Amino acid sequence: MNKPDLIAALQKKDNLTEKLATEIINLIFDGFTDALKNGGRIEIRGLGSFHIREYGAYTGRNPKTGESTAVKPKKLPFFKVGRELKKRINRD
């Protein structure tokens, strides 16, 4: 499922216009982004949680040329699956 699929599902379920459904999904995604940018954590019961992992700078290698290159420090979102979602997926 991707973003347009979410918009279509919300639009169909609640009889919303495409524009309103898009605004709702964008509002949710923007809220997630802002929370993570500000060092927060997102926890959705039954689904899982998102948090930021910080990685330090390191020397990487360009696989195409073999040349060494400096990689800057970065922050990446990390998702941890919740117990309830694991159970739902593994049901027979």
Foldseek 3Di string as FASTA:
>chain_A
DDDVVQLVVVCVVVVHDSVVSNVVSVVVVVVVVVQQVVQHKDADPLFWIKHKDKDAKDWDADVVPRDIDIDHIDIDIDTDGDPNVVCVVPDD
